[in-house]
Amino acid sequence: MNVLLLAVIWRGVAIPLLYELLPHGGGSHTEIRHTLMDDALCLLRAADIRVLYADREFVGYDWIQGLARRGIPICVRLRSDTLMDDWTAKDWLSRLQTGHAGLLVDDTVVYGNR
């Protein structure tokens, strides 16, 4: 069994806010994620969310579009084979300079969103 957990970061500490027990060992489905976000938006406004950080399993066109419709900015760790414009994330990351751990890509289409 897995747990889908939504936490808020306050003064550098992650505080669990909502969770959903998943009836299987795999990842969450988009519908469950949207339901959890809807529940969270009963507690706070989308405008209060500075950014939603997500791991690489939290990708997909419908998920990203749903966040965009709600006005929630997202920062997600991408799998190396994720296609961004005509490049994979691995191609983008291969351009990193020594000593850098990641990069910020603006004005790039990922799952139909800039």
PDB file of N, CA and C in Angstrom:
ATOM      1  N   MET A   1       0.851  -1.176   0.000  1.00  0.00           N
ATOM      2  CA  MET A   1       0.000   0.000   0.000  1.00  0.00           C
ATOM      3  C   MET A   1       0.897   1.240   0.000  1.00  0.00           C
ATOM      4  N   ASN A   2       0.513   2.251  -0.761  1.00  0.00           N
ATOM      5  CA  ASN A   2       1.219   3.520  -0.813  1.00  0.00           C
ATOM      6  C   ASN A   2       0.338   4.623  -0.265  1.00  0.00           C
ATOM      7  N   VAL A   3       0.957   5.747   0.033  1.00  0.00           N
ATOM      8  CA  VAL A   3       0.246   6.918   0.527  1.00  0.00           C
ATOM      9  C   VAL A   3       0.560   8.093  -0.387  1.00  0.00           C
ATOM     10  N   LEU A   4      -0.469   8.782  -0.840  1.00  0.00           N
ATOM     11  CA  LEU A   4      -0.315  10.033  -1.572  1.00  0.00           C
ATOM     12  C   LEU A   4      -0.447  11.134  -0.535  1.00  0.00           C
ATOM     13  N   LEU A   5       0.605  11.907  -0.344  1.00  0.00           N
ATOM     14  CA  LEU A   5       0.652  12.893   0.732  1.00  0.00           C
ATOM     15  C   LEU A   5       0.829  14.291   0.169  1.00  0.00           C
ATOM     16  N   LEU A   6       0.044  15.220   0.669  1.00  0.00           N
ATOM     17  CA  LEU A   6       0.171  16.624   0.316  1.00  0.00           C
ATOM     18  C   LEU A   6       0.590  17.353   1.585  1.00  0.00           C
ATOM     19  N   ALA A   7       1.708  18.040   1.515  1.00  0.00           N
ATOM     20  CA  ALA A   7       2.222  18.771   2.678  1.00  0.00           C
ATOM     21  C   ALA A   7       2.453  20.221   2.292  1.00  0.00           C
ATOM     22  N   VAL A   8       2.466  21.080   3.281  1.00  0.00           N
ATOM     23  CA  VAL A   8       2.838  22.477   3.068  1.00  0.00           C
ATOM     24  C   VAL A   8       4.193  22.694   3.726  1.00  0.00           C
ATOM     25  N   ILE A   9       4.972  23.556   3.124  1.00  0.00           N
ATOM     26  CA  ILE A   9       6.271  23.883   3.723  1.00  0.00           C
ATOM     27  C   ILE A   9       6.109  25.209   4.444  1.00  0.00           C
ATOM     28  N   TRP A  10       6.380  25.178   5.728  1.00  0.00           N
ATOM     29  CA  TRP A  10       6.268  26.362   6.578  1.00  0.00           C
ATOM     30  C   TRP A  10       7.549  26.498   7.368  1.00  0.00           C
ATOM     31  N   ARG A  11       8.233  27.599   7.173  1.00  0.00           N
ATOM     32  CA  ARG A  11       9.505  27.881   7.852  1.00  0.00           C
ATOM     33  C   ARG A  11      10.505  26.742   7.652  1.00  0.00           C
ATOM     34  N   GLY A  12      10.510  26.191   6.438  1.00  0.00           N
ATOM     35  CA  GLY A  12      11.482  25.161   6.077  1.00  0.00           C
ATOM     36  C   GLY A  12      11.127  23.752   6.511  1.00  0.00           C
ATOM     37  N   VAL A  13       9.932  23.557   7.082  1.00  0.00           N
ATOM     38  CA  VAL A  13       9.516  22.229   7.552  1.00  0.00           C
ATOM     39  C   VAL A  13       8.264  21.800   6.780  1.00  0.00           C
ATOM     40  N   ALA A  14       8.270  20.577   6.249  1.00  0.00           N
ATOM     41  CA  ALA A  14       7.098  20.044   5.559  1.00  0.00           C
ATOM     42  C   ALA A  14       6.092  19.545   6.593  1.00  0.00           C
ATOM     43  N   ILE A  15       4.887  20.079   6.534  1.00  0.00           N
ATOM     44  CA  ILE A  15       3.816  19.701   7.457  1.00  0.00           C
ATOM     45  C   ILE A  15       2.730  18.995   6.651  1.00  0.00           C
ATOM     46  N   PRO A  16       2.467  17.706   6.944  1.00  0.00           N
ATOM     47  CA  PRO A  16       1.415  16.988   6.205  1.00  0.00           C
ATOM     48  C   PRO A  16       0.075  17.697   6.363  1.00  0.00           C
ATOM     49  N   LEU A  17      -0.609  17.864   5.229  1.00  0.00           N
ATOM     50  CA  LEU A  17      -1.893  18.555   5.227  1.00  0.00           C
ATOM     51  C   LEU A  17      -3.034  17.577   4.931  1.00  0.00           C
ATOM     52  N   LEU A  18      -2.888  16.797   3.861  1.00  0.00           N
ATOM     53  CA  LEU A  18      -3.892  15.825   3.457  1.00  0.00           C
ATOM     54  C   LEU A  18      -3.195  14.580   2.923  1.00  0.00           C
ATOM     55  N   TYR A  19      -3.876  13.447   3.003  1.00  0.00           N
ATOM     56  CA  TYR A  19      -3.305  12.234   2.426  1.00  0.00           C
ATOM     57  C   TYR A  19      -4.421  11.328   1.930  1.00  0.00           C
ATOM     58  N   GLU A  20      -4.033  10.426   1.053  1.00  0.00           N
ATOM     59  CA  GLU A  20      -4.952   9.414   0.521  1.00  0.00           C
ATOM     60  C   GLU A  20      -4.217   8.082   0.532  1.00  0.00           C
ATOM     61  N   LEU A  21      -4.819   7.070   1.152  1.00  0.00           N
ATOM     62  CA  LEU A  21      -4.240   5.734   1.119  1.00  0.00           C
ATOM     63  C   LEU A  21      -4.570   5.109  -0.230  1.00  0.00           C
ATOM     64  N   LEU A  22      -3.554   4.603  -0.896  1.00  0.00           N
ATOM     65  CA  LEU A  22      -3.748   3.980  -2.205  1.00  0.00           C
ATOM     66  C   LEU A  22      -3.879   2.472  -2.009  1.00  0.00           C
ATOM     67  N   PRO A  23      -4.885   1.859  -2.609  1.00  0.00           N
ATOM     68  CA  PRO A  23      -5.161   0.442  -2.365  1.00  0.00           C
ATOM     69  C   PRO A  23      -4.237  -0.512  -3.130  1.00  0.00           C
ATOM     70  N   HIS A  24      -3.079  -0.031  -3.545  1.00  0.00           N
ATOM     71  CA  HIS A  24      -2.145  -0.856  -4.314  1.00  0.00           C
ATOM     72  C   HIS A  24      -0.734  -0.336  -4.077  1.00  0.00           C
ATOM     73  N   GLY A  25       0.237  -1.033  -4.580  1.00  0.00           N
ATOM     74  CA  GLY A  25       1.623  -0.644  -4.376  1.00  0.00           C
ATOM     75  C   GLY A  25       2.162   0.337  -5.391  1.00  0.00           C
ATOM     76  N   GLY A  26       1.394   0.639  -6.441  1.00  0.00           N
ATOM     77  CA  GLY A  26       1.867   1.539  -7.494  1.00  0.00           C
ATOM     78  C   GLY A  26       1.608   2.997  -7.171  1.00  0.00           C
ATOM     79  N   GLY A  27       1.781   3.829  -8.185  1.00  0.00           N
ATOM     80  CA  GLY A  27       1.587   5.260  -8.024  1.00  0.00           C
ATOM     81  C   GLY A  27       0.120   5.654  -8.044  1.00  0.00           C
ATOM     82  N   SER A  28      -0.117   6.933  -7.866  1.00  0.00           N
ATOM     83  CA  SER A  28      -1.480   7.462  -7.834  1.00  0.00           C
ATOM     84  C   SER A  28      -1.971   7.732  -9.255  1.00  0.00           C
ATOM     85  N   HIS A  29      -3.281   7.754  -9.387  1.00  0.00           N
ATOM     86  CA  HIS A  29      -3.906   8.082 -10.663  1.00  0.00           C
ATOM     87  C   HIS A  29      -4.254   9.558 -10.678  1.00  0.00           C
ATOM     88  N   THR A  30      -4.356  10.117 -11.855  1.00  0.00           N
ATOM     89  CA  THR A  30      -4.637  11.542 -12.007  1.00  0.00           C
ATOM     90  C   THR A  30      -5.909  11.947 -11.278  1.00  0.00           C
ATOM     91  N   GLU A  31      -6.942  11.142 -11.363  1.00  0.00           N
ATOM     92  CA  GLU A  31      -8.218  11.479 -10.712  1.00  0.00           C
ATOM     93  C   GLU A  31      -8.045  11.619  -9.195  1.00  0.00           C
ATOM     94  N   ILE A  32      -7.270  10.739  -8.578  1.00  0.00           N
ATOM     95  CA  ILE A  32      -7.029  10.814  -7.136  1.00  0.00           C
ATOM     96  C   ILE A  32      -6.249  12.079  -6.793  1.00  0.00           C
ATOM     97  N   ARG A  33      -5.267  12.421  -7.625  1.00  0.00           N
ATOM     98  CA  ARG A  33      -4.482  13.647  -7.389  1.00  0.00           C
ATOM     99  C   ARG A  33      -5.368  14.884  -7.465  1.00  0.00           C
ATOM    100  N   HIS A  34      -6.246  14.919  -8.495  1.00  0.00           N
ATOM    101  CA  HIS A  34      -7.142  16.070  -8.635  1.00  0.00           C
ATOM    102  C   HIS A  34      -8.091  16.177  -7.438  1.00  0.00           C
ATOM    103  N   THR A  35      -8.593  15.050  -6.968  1.00  0.00           N
ATOM    104  CA  THR A  35      -9.484  15.056  -5.803  1.00  0.00           C
ATOM    105  C   THR A  35      -8.760  15.596  -4.577  1.00  0.00           C
ATOM    106  N   LEU A  36      -7.509  15.173  -4.376  1.00  0.00           N
ATOM    107  CA  LEU A  36      -6.731  15.663  -3.244  1.00  0.00           C
ATOM    108  C   LEU A  36      -6.489  17.174  -3.367  1.00  0.00           C
ATOM    109  N   MET A  37      -6.209  17.651  -4.581  1.00  0.00           N
ATOM    110  CA  MET A  37      -6.019  19.085  -4.785  1.00  0.00           C
ATOM    111  C   MET A  37      -7.317  19.846  -4.534  1.00  0.00           C
ATOM    112  N   ASP A  38      -8.447  19.302  -4.969  1.00  0.00           N
ATOM    113  CA  ASP A  38      -9.735  19.948  -4.703  1.00  0.00           C
ATOM    114  C   ASP A  38      -9.970  20.068  -3.204  1.00  0.00           C
ATOM    115  N   ASP A  39      -9.648  19.010  -2.464  1.00  0.00           N
ATOM    116  CA  ASP A  39      -9.780  19.050  -0.999  1.00  0.00           C
ATOM    117  C   ASP A  39      -8.872  20.120  -0.405  1.00  0.00           C
ATOM    118  N   ALA A  40      -7.646  20.207  -0.921  1.00  0.00           N
ATOM    119  CA  ALA A  40      -6.703  21.214  -0.417  1.00  0.00           C
ATOM    120  C   ALA A  40      -7.217  22.622  -0.702  1.00  0.00           C
ATOM    121  N   LEU A  41      -7.866  22.798  -1.849  1.00  0.00           N
ATOM    122  CA  LEU A  41      -8.370  24.123  -2.211  1.00  0.00           C
ATOM    123  C   LEU A  41      -9.603  24.519  -1.405  1.00  0.00           C
ATOM    124  N   CYS A  42     -10.138  23.585  -0.619  1.00  0.00           N
ATOM    125  CA  CYS A  42     -11.178  23.933   0.360  1.00  0.00           C
ATOM    126  C   CYS A  42     -10.541  24.569   1.595  1.00  0.00           C
ATOM    127  N   LEU A  43      -9.245  24.309   1.794  1.00  0.00           N
ATOM    128  CA  LEU A  43      -8.524  24.824   2.954  1.00  0.00           C
ATOM    129  C   LEU A  43      -7.729  26.089   2.646  1.00  0.00           C
ATOM    130  N   LEU A  44      -7.283  26.224   1.401  1.00  0.00           N
ATOM    131  CA  LEU A  44      -6.517  27.403   1.002  1.00  0.00           C
ATOM    132  C   LEU A  44      -6.819  27.747  -0.443  1.00  0.00           C
ATOM    133  N   ARG A  45      -6.495  28.980  -0.817  1.00  0.00           N
ATOM    134  CA  ARG A  45      -6.756  29.437  -2.179  1.00  0.00           C
ATOM    135  C   ARG A  45      -5.582  29.097  -3.086  1.00  0.00           C
ATOM    136  N   ALA A  46      -5.874  28.886  -4.367  1.00  0.00           N
ATOM    137  CA  ALA A  46      -4.809  28.608  -5.338  1.00  0.00           C
ATOM    138  C   ALA A  46      -3.789  29.748  -5.341  1.00  0.00           C
ATOM    139  N   ALA A  47      -4.258  30.981  -5.142  1.00  0.00           N
ATOM    140  CA  ALA A  47      -3.356  32.140  -5.124  1.00  0.00           C
ATOM    141  C   ALA A  47      -2.381  32.087  -3.951  1.00  0.00           C
ATOM    142  N   ASP A  48      -2.712  31.301  -2.902  1.00  0.00           N
ATOM    143  CA  ASP A  48      -1.819  31.161  -1.743  1.00  0.00           C
ATOM    144  C   ASP A  48      -0.712  30.147  -1.993  1.00  0.00           C
ATOM    145  N   ILE A  49      -0.820  29.373  -3.070  1.00  0.00           N
ATOM    146  CA  ILE A  49       0.173  28.343  -3.373  1.00  0.00           C
ATOM    147  C   ILE A  49       1.261  28.959  -4.230  1.00  0.00           C
ATOM    148  N   ARG A  50       2.444  29.086  -3.668  1.00  0.00           N
ATOM    149  CA  ARG A  50       3.548  29.667  -4.425  1.00  0.00           C
ATOM    150  C   ARG A  50       4.032  28.721  -5.505  1.00  0.00           C
ATOM    151  N   VAL A  51       4.168  27.442  -5.160  1.00  0.00           N
ATOM    152  CA  VAL A  51       4.564  26.435  -6.135  1.00  0.00           C
ATOM    153  C   VAL A  51       4.239  25.060  -5.561  1.00  0.00           C
ATOM    154  N   LEU A  52       3.858  24.132  -6.426  1.00  0.00           N
ATOM    155  CA  LEU A  52       3.642  22.753  -6.032  1.00  0.00           C
ATOM    156  C   LEU A  52       4.848  21.962  -6.525  1.00  0.00           C
ATOM    157  N   TYR A  53       5.597  21.392  -5.598  1.00  0.00           N
ATOM    158  CA  TYR A  53       6.756  20.563  -5.941  1.00  0.00           C
ATOM    159  C   TYR A  53       6.295  19.119  -6.067  1.00  0.00           C
ATOM    160  N   ALA A  54       6.738  18.452  -7.117  1.00  0.00           N
ATOM    161  CA  ALA A  54       6.306  17.080  -7.349  1.00  0.00           C
ATOM    162  C   ALA A  54       7.474  16.237  -7.842  1.00  0.00           C
ATOM    163  N   ASP A  55       7.397  14.956  -7.534  1.00  0.00           N
ATOM    164  CA  ASP A  55       8.411  14.021  -8.005  1.00  0.00           C
ATOM    165  C   ASP A  55       8.080  13.601  -9.433  1.00  0.00           C
ATOM    166  N   ARG A  56       8.969  12.867 -10.046  1.00  0.00           N
ATOM    167  CA  ARG A  56       8.844  12.532 -11.466  1.00  0.00           C
ATOM    168  C   ARG A  56       7.644  11.662 -11.809  1.00  0.00           C
ATOM    169  N   GLU A  57       7.012  11.024 -10.824  1.00  0.00           N
ATOM    170  CA  GLU A  57       5.812  10.242 -11.112  1.00  0.00           C
ATOM    171  C   GLU A  57       4.593  11.133 -11.321  1.00  0.00           C
ATOM    172  N   PHE A  58       4.685  12.384 -10.929  1.00  0.00           N
ATOM    173  CA  PHE A  58       3.551  13.299 -10.995  1.00  0.00           C
ATOM    174  C   PHE A  58       3.577  14.111 -12.281  1.00  0.00           C
ATOM    175  N   VAL A  59       3.553  13.394 -13.400  1.00  0.00           N
ATOM    176  CA  VAL A  59       3.548  14.031 -14.710  1.00  0.00           C
ATOM    177  C   VAL A  59       2.361  13.492 -15.489  1.00  0.00           C
ATOM    178  N   GLY A  60       2.104  14.082 -16.595  1.00  0.00           N
ATOM    179  CA  GLY A  60       1.003  13.662 -17.444  1.00  0.00           C
ATOM    180  C   GLY A  60       0.197  14.870 -17.873  1.00  0.00           C
ATOM    181  N   TYR A  61      -0.279  14.814 -19.089  1.00  0.00           N
ATOM    182  CA  TYR A  61      -0.986  15.944 -19.684  1.00  0.00           C
ATOM    183  C   TYR A  61      -2.182  16.385 -18.834  1.00  0.00           C
ATOM    184  N   ASP A  62      -3.067  15.444 -18.461  1.00  0.00           N
ATOM    185  CA  ASP A  62      -4.282  15.799 -17.721  1.00  0.00           C
ATOM    186  C   ASP A  62      -3.963  16.394 -16.348  1.00  0.00           C
ATOM    187  N   TRP A  63      -2.958  15.856 -15.677  1.00  0.00           N
ATOM    188  CA  TRP A  63      -2.561  16.360 -14.356  1.00  0.00           C
ATOM    189  C   TRP A  63      -2.031  17.787 -14.469  1.00  0.00           C
ATOM    190  N   ILE A  64      -1.111  18.007 -15.407  1.00  0.00           N
ATOM    191  CA  ILE A  64      -0.514  19.331 -15.571  1.00  0.00           C
ATOM    192  C   ILE A  64      -1.574  20.343 -16.019  1.00  0.00           C
ATOM    193  N   GLN A  65      -2.458  19.941 -16.950  1.00  0.00           N
ATOM    194  CA  GLN A  65      -3.523  20.832 -17.405  1.00  0.00           C
ATOM    195  C   GLN A  65      -4.458  21.199 -16.253  1.00  0.00           C
ATOM    196  N   GLY A  66      -4.785  20.217 -15.401  1.00  0.00           N
ATOM    197  CA  GLY A  66      -5.661  20.481 -14.259  1.00  0.00           C
ATOM    198  C   GLY A  66      -5.067  21.490 -13.294  1.00  0.00           C
ATOM    199  N   LEU A  67      -3.774  21.389 -13.056  1.00  0.00           N
ATOM    200  CA  LEU A  67      -3.112  22.374 -12.193  1.00  0.00           C
ATOM    201  C   LEU A  67      -3.117  23.751 -12.841  1.00  0.00           C
ATOM    202  N   ALA A  68      -2.847  23.792 -14.142  1.00  0.00           N
ATOM    203  CA  ALA A  68      -2.829  25.069 -14.866  1.00  0.00           C
ATOM    204  C   ALA A  68      -4.208  25.728 -14.818  1.00  0.00           C
ATOM    205  N   ARG A  69      -5.273  24.938 -14.990  1.00  0.00           N
ATOM    206  CA  ARG A  69      -6.635  25.490 -14.927  1.00  0.00           C
ATOM    207  C   ARG A  69      -6.929  26.086 -13.557  1.00  0.00           C
ATOM    208  N   ARG A  70      -6.373  25.500 -12.523  1.00  0.00           N
ATOM    209  CA  ARG A  70      -6.585  25.994 -11.163  1.00  0.00           C
ATOM    210  C   ARG A  70      -5.658  27.166 -10.831  1.00  0.00           C
ATOM    211  N   GLY A  71      -4.695  27.442 -11.699  1.00  0.00           N
ATOM    212  CA  GLY A  71      -3.748  28.534 -11.462  1.00  0.00           C
ATOM    213  C   GLY A  71      -2.644  28.162 -10.486  1.00  0.00           C
ATOM    214  N   ILE A  72      -2.303  26.862 -10.417  1.00  0.00           N
ATOM    215  CA  ILE A  72      -1.285  26.388  -9.483  1.00  0.00           C
ATOM    216  C   ILE A  72       0.020  26.154 -10.241  1.00  0.00           C
ATOM    217  N   PRO A  73       1.060  26.925  -9.910  1.00  0.00           N
ATOM    218  CA  PRO A  73       2.356  26.704 -10.572  1.00  0.00           C
ATOM    219  C   PRO A  73       2.994  25.416 -10.064  1.00  0.00           C
ATOM    220  N   ILE A  74       3.705  24.714 -10.947  1.00  0.00           N
ATOM    221  CA  ILE A  74       4.289  23.432 -10.577  1.00  0.00           C
ATOM    222  C   ILE A  74       5.773  23.407 -10.914  1.00  0.00           C
ATOM    223  N   CYS A  75       6.520  22.770 -10.045  1.00  0.00           N
ATOM    224  CA  CYS A  75       7.934  22.485 -10.269  1.00  0.00           C
ATOM    225  C   CYS A  75       8.059  20.978 -10.107  1.00  0.00           C
ATOM    226  N   VAL A  76       8.395  20.285 -11.197  1.00  0.00           N
ATOM    227  CA  VAL A  76       8.407  18.825 -11.158  1.00  0.00           C
ATOM    228  C   VAL A  76       9.751  18.299 -11.633  1.00  0.00           C
ATOM    229  N   ARG A  77      10.217  17.281 -10.956  1.00  0.00           N
ATOM    230  CA  ARG A  77      11.422  16.567 -11.372  1.00  0.00           C
ATOM    231  C   ARG A  77      11.008  15.648 -12.511  1.00  0.00           C
ATOM    232  N   LEU A  78      11.635  15.797 -13.665  1.00  0.00           N
ATOM    233  CA  LEU A  78      11.239  15.028 -14.837  1.00  0.00           C
ATOM    234  C   LEU A  78      12.083  13.783 -15.023  1.00  0.00           C
ATOM    235  N   ARG A  79      11.460  12.734 -15.564  1.00  0.00           N
ATOM    236  CA  ARG A  79      12.211  11.545 -15.979  1.00  0.00           C
ATOM    237  C   ARG A  79      13.111  11.949 -17.139  1.00  0.00           C
ATOM    238  N   SER A  80      14.200  11.246 -17.314  1.00  0.00           N
ATOM    239  CA  SER A  80      15.159  11.612 -18.354  1.00  0.00           C
ATOM    240  C   SER A  80      14.588  11.463 -19.759  1.00  0.00           C
ATOM    241  N   ASP A  81      13.534  10.632 -19.936  1.00  0.00           N
ATOM    242  CA  ASP A  81      12.969  10.446 -21.273  1.00  0.00           C
ATOM    243  C   ASP A  81      11.766  11.348 -21.559  1.00  0.00           C
ATOM    244  N   THR A  82      11.446  12.284 -20.641  1.00  0.00           N
ATOM    245  CA  THR A  82      10.340  13.201 -20.862  1.00  0.00           C
ATOM    246  C   THR A  82      10.662  14.122 -22.035  1.00  0.00           C
ATOM    247  N   LEU A  83       9.741  14.232 -22.968  1.00  0.00           N
ATOM    248  CA  LEU A  83       9.955  15.050 -24.152  1.00  0.00           C
ATOM    249  C   LEU A  83       9.545  16.492 -23.884  1.00  0.00           C
ATOM    250  N   MET A  84      10.471  17.399 -24.110  1.00  0.00           N
ATOM    251  CA  MET A  84      10.240  18.831 -23.940  1.00  0.00           C
ATOM    252  C   MET A  84      10.611  19.483 -25.270  1.00  0.00           C
ATOM    253  N   ASP A  85       9.623  20.072 -25.932  1.00  0.00           N
ATOM    254  CA  ASP A  85       9.783  20.521 -27.313  1.00  0.00           C
ATOM    255  C   ASP A  85      10.266  19.300 -28.096  1.00  0.00           C
ATOM    256  N   ASP A  86      11.389  19.344 -28.754  1.00  0.00           N
ATOM    257  CA  ASP A  86      11.884  18.182 -29.493  1.00  0.00           C
ATOM    258  C   ASP A  86      13.075  17.531 -28.802  1.00  0.00           C
ATOM    259  N   TRP A  87      13.310  17.863 -27.563  1.00  0.00           N
ATOM    260  CA  TRP A  87      14.435  17.331 -26.795  1.00  0.00           C
ATOM    261  C   TRP A  87      13.897  16.526 -25.617  1.00  0.00           C
ATOM    262  N   THR A  88      14.652  15.522 -25.177  1.00  0.00           N
ATOM    263  CA  THR A  88      14.297  14.831 -23.938  1.00  0.00           C
ATOM    264  C   THR A  88      14.878  15.628 -22.775  1.00  0.00           C
ATOM    265  N   ALA A  89      14.367  15.370 -21.577  1.00  0.00           N
ATOM    266  CA  ALA A  89      14.925  16.029 -20.395  1.00  0.00           C
ATOM    267  C   ALA A  89      16.415  15.710 -20.264  1.00  0.00           C
ATOM    268  N   LYS A  90      16.795  14.486 -20.628  1.00  0.00           N
ATOM    269  CA  LYS A  90      18.211  14.105 -20.569  1.00  0.00           C
ATOM    270  C   LYS A  90      19.058  14.990 -21.492  1.00  0.00           C
ATOM    271  N   ASP A  91      18.520  15.303 -22.693  1.00  0.00           N
ATOM    272  CA  ASP A  91      19.229  16.194 -23.609  1.00  0.00           C
ATOM    273  C   ASP A  91      19.414  17.576 -22.990  1.00  0.00           C
ATOM    274  N   TRP A  92      18.339  18.085 -22.367  1.00  0.00           N
ATOM    275  CA  TRP A  92      18.416  19.395 -21.719  1.00  0.00           C
ATOM    276  C   TRP A  92      19.455  19.361 -20.594  1.00  0.00           C
ATOM    277  N   LEU A  93      19.399  18.306 -19.764  1.00  0.00           N
ATOM    278  CA  LEU A  93      20.287  18.230 -18.613  1.00  0.00           C
ATOM    279  C   LEU A  93      21.741  18.009 -19.009  1.00  0.00           C
ATOM    280  N   SER A  94      21.974  17.425 -20.182  1.00  0.00           N
ATOM    281  CA  SER A  94      23.358  17.217 -20.620  1.00  0.00           C
ATOM    282  C   SER A  94      24.054  18.542 -20.890  1.00  0.00           C
ATOM    283  N   ARG A  95      23.279  19.618 -20.992  1.00  0.00           N
ATOM    284  CA  ARG A  95      23.865  20.941 -21.226  1.00  0.00           C
ATOM    285  C   ARG A  95      24.238  21.658 -19.933  1.00  0.00           C
ATOM    286  N   LEU A  96      24.040  20.992 -18.790  1.00  0.00           N
ATOM    287  CA  LEU A  96      24.400  21.605 -17.507  1.00  0.00           C
ATOM    288  C   LEU A  96      25.893  21.866 -17.411  1.00  0.00           C
ATOM    289  N   GLN A  97      26.219  22.950 -16.753  1.00  0.00           N
ATOM    290  CA  GLN A  97      27.622  23.239 -16.490  1.00  0.00           C
ATOM    291  C   GLN A  97      28.055  22.477 -15.252  1.00  0.00           C
ATOM    292  N   THR A  98      29.331  22.204 -15.139  1.00  0.00           N
ATOM    293  CA  THR A  98      29.878  21.509 -13.986  1.00  0.00           C
ATOM    294  C   THR A  98      29.490  22.242 -12.704  1.00  0.00           C
ATOM    295  N   GLY A  99      29.040  21.467 -11.717  1.00  0.00           N
ATOM    296  CA  GLY A  99      28.675  22.043 -10.425  1.00  0.00           C
ATOM    297  C   GLY A  99      27.212  22.423 -10.288  1.00  0.00           C
ATOM    298  N   HIS A 100      26.431  22.338 -11.365  1.00  0.00           N
ATOM    299  CA  HIS A 100      25.008  22.650 -11.308  1.00  0.00           C
ATOM    300  C   HIS A 100      24.206  21.353 -11.161  1.00  0.00           C
ATOM    301  N   ALA A 101      23.122  21.425 -10.380  1.00  0.00           N
ATOM    302  CA  ALA A 101      22.313  20.231 -10.113  1.00  0.00           C
ATOM    303  C   ALA A 101      21.044  20.177 -10.945  1.00  0.00           C
ATOM    304  N   GLY A 102      20.656  21.253 -11.569  1.00  0.00           N
ATOM    305  CA  GLY A 102      19.428  21.272 -12.352  1.00  0.00           C
ATOM    306  C   GLY A 102      19.363  22.538 -13.169  1.00  0.00           C
ATOM    307  N   LEU A 103      18.289  22.692 -13.880  1.00  0.00           N
ATOM    308  CA  LEU A 103      18.149  23.900 -14.656  1.00  0.00           C
ATOM    309  C   LEU A 103      16.694  24.316 -14.720  1.00  0.00           C
ATOM    310  N   LEU A 104      16.502  25.600 -14.930  1.00  0.00           N
ATOM    311  CA  LEU A 104      15.178  26.170 -15.067  1.00  0.00           C
ATOM    312  C   LEU A 104      14.961  26.423 -16.544  1.00  0.00           C
ATOM    313  N   VAL A 105      13.913  25.854 -17.085  1.00  0.00           N
ATOM    314  CA  VAL A 105      13.637  26.006 -18.509  1.00  0.00           C
ATOM    315  C   VAL A 105      12.361  26.826 -18.642  1.00  0.00           C
ATOM    316  N   ASP A 106      12.478  28.007 -19.229  1.00  0.00           N
ATOM    317  CA  ASP A 106      11.320  28.862 -19.471  1.00  0.00           C
ATOM    318  C   ASP A 106      10.882  28.732 -20.907  1.00  0.00           C
ATOM    319  N   ASP A 107       9.605  28.985 -21.155  1.00  0.00           N
ATOM    320  CA  ASP A 107       9.047  29.036 -22.489  1.00  0.00           C
ATOM    321  C   ASP A 107       9.286  27.744 -23.269  1.00  0.00           C
ATOM    322  N   THR A 108       9.137  26.605 -22.605  1.00  0.00           N
ATOM    323  CA  THR A 108       9.294  25.293 -23.217  1.00  0.00           C
ATOM    324  C   THR A 108       8.008  24.516 -23.019  1.00  0.00           C
ATOM    325  N   VAL A 109       7.576  23.786 -24.020  1.00  0.00           N
ATOM    326  CA  VAL A 109       6.330  23.023 -23.934  1.00  0.00           C
ATOM    327  C   VAL A 109       6.602  21.651 -23.331  1.00  0.00           C
ATOM    328  N   VAL A 110       5.966  21.359 -22.180  1.00  0.00           N
ATOM    329  CA  VAL A 110       6.017  20.065 -21.537  1.00  0.00           C
ATOM    330  C   VAL A 110       4.578  19.630 -21.294  1.00  0.00           C
ATOM    331  N   TYR A 111       4.168  18.514 -21.875  1.00  0.00           N
ATOM    332  CA  TYR A 111       2.788  18.040 -21.762  1.00  0.00           C
ATOM    333  C   TYR A 111       1.777  19.109 -22.164  1.00  0.00           C
ATOM    334  N   GLY A 112       2.092  19.846 -23.212  1.00  0.00           N
ATOM    335  CA  GLY A 112       1.145  20.825 -23.738  1.00  0.00           C
ATOM    336  C   GLY A 112       1.103  22.153 -23.024  1.00  0.00           C
ATOM    337  N   ASN A 113       1.943  22.333 -22.010  1.00  0.00           N
ATOM    338  CA  ASN A 113       1.987  23.594 -21.263  1.00  0.00           C
ATOM    339  C   ASN A 113       3.337  24.253 -21.423  1.00  0.00           C
ATOM    340  N   ARG A 114       3.344  25.560 -21.489  1.00  0.00           N
ATOM    341  CA  ARG A 114       4.600  26.298 -21.517  1.00  0.00           C
ATOM    342  C   ARG A 114       5.169  26.364 -20.121  1.00  0.00           C
TER     343      ARG A 114
END
